[in-house]
């Protein structure tokens, strides 16, 4: 799997306050642990692609963008 490096480093995944705001705005998930939600999505998919400095995780109905060097969740968008 292309995203093996990302999945073995799930514990390092985190986001910033602005990242949380972007994810909440884009996905309207309510009051949940957004980082845990993203980690769960990443752990359940095999569709992970690295392009340049970011990982793109295609899971269910969303695309999660994660910085490859720091494992920072940048944003999540609905997959249209």
Protein backbone atom coordinates (compact mmCIF):
# COMPACT_ATOMS: atom_id res chain seq x y z
CA UNK A 1 0.00 0.00 0.00
CA UNK A 2 1.34 3.44 -0.93
CA UNK A 3 0.23 4.97 2.36
CA UNK A 4 2.04 2.51 4.65
CA UNK A 5 4.24 5.30 6.07
CA UNK A 6 1.13 7.28 7.00
CA UNK A 7 -0.72 4.36 8.59
CA UNK A 8 2.24 3.29 10.74
CA UNK A 9 2.51 6.87 12.02
CA UNK A 10 -1.17 7.36 12.95
CA UNK A 11 -0.17 8.21 16.52
CA UNK A 12 1.70 11.27 15.17
CA UNK A 13 -1.31 12.67 13.31
CA UNK A 14 -2.57 15.96 14.70
CA UNK A 15 -4.02 19.23 13.51
CA UNK A 16 -3.97 22.90 14.39
CA UNK A 17 -6.81 25.03 15.71
CA UNK A 18 -7.32 26.45 12.20
CA UNK A 19 -7.26 22.92 10.80
CA UNK A 20 -10.01 21.90 13.23
CA UNK A 21 -12.08 24.87 12.15
CA UNK A 22 -11.63 23.98 8.45
CA UNK A 23 -12.56 20.33 9.02
CA UNK A 24 -15.61 21.30 11.08
CA UNK A 25 -16.75 23.81 8.46
CA UNK A 26 -16.20 21.44 5.53
CA UNK A 27 -17.67 18.29 7.07
CA UNK A 28 -20.18 19.57 9.67
CA UNK A 29 -19.44 16.68 12.04
CA UNK A 30 -20.76 18.16 15.26
CA UNK A 31 -18.92 18.10 18.57
CA UNK A 32 -16.55 15.13 18.12
CA UNK A 33 -12.81 14.49 18.35
CA UNK A 34 -11.88 15.42 14.78
CA UNK A 35 -8.36 14.01 14.97
CA UNK A 36 -9.65 10.65 16.20
CA UNK A 37 -12.27 10.68 13.42
CA UNK A 38 -9.56 11.31 10.81
CA UNK A 39 -7.28 8.61 12.26
CA UNK A 40 -10.15 6.13 12.09
CA UNK A 41 -10.83 6.99 8.44
CA UNK A 42 -7.13 6.62 7.56
CA UNK A 43 -6.89 3.25 9.34
CA UNK A 44 -9.89 1.87 7.43
CA UNK A 45 -8.86 2.68 3.85
CA UNK A 46 -6.28 1.39 1.39
CA UNK A 47 -6.70 4.37 -0.91
CA UNK A 48 -3.81 6.60 0.20
CA UNK A 49 -1.68 8.54 -2.28
CA UNK A 50 1.33 10.74 -1.72
CA UNK A 51 1.66 13.72 -4.07
CA UNK A 52 4.52 16.06 -3.29
CA UNK A 53 4.52 17.12 0.33
CA UNK A 54 1.04 15.76 1.18
CA UNK A 55 -0.79 12.50 1.66
CA UNK A 56 -4.31 12.30 0.21
CA UNK A 57 -6.56 9.77 1.91
CA UNK A 58 -9.70 8.76 0.02
CA UNK A 59 -12.05 7.31 2.62
CA UNK A 60 -15.80 6.81 2.32
CA UNK A 61 -17.21 10.16 1.24
CA UNK A 62 -14.21 12.37 2.01
CA UNK A 63 -10.64 13.28 1.12
CA UNK A 64 -8.26 13.90 4.02
CA UNK A 65 -5.13 15.95 3.29
CA UNK A 66 -2.17 15.30 5.60
CA UNK A 67 1.26 16.92 5.49
CA UNK A 68 3.79 14.14 4.83
CA UNK A 69 6.65 15.45 6.94
CA UNK A 70 4.82 16.49 10.11
CA UNK A 71 1.68 14.33 9.87
CA UNK A 72 -0.47 17.45 10.32
CA UNK A 73 -4.05 17.08 9.10
CA UNK A 74 -4.48 20.09 6.83
CA UNK A 75 -8.10 19.71 5.80
CA UNK A 76 -10.92 17.32 4.94
CA UNK A 77 -13.27 17.78 2.01
CA UNK A 78 -16.33 15.92 0.89
CA UNK A 79 -15.55 13.75 -2.12
CA UNK A 80 -17.91 14.89 -4.85
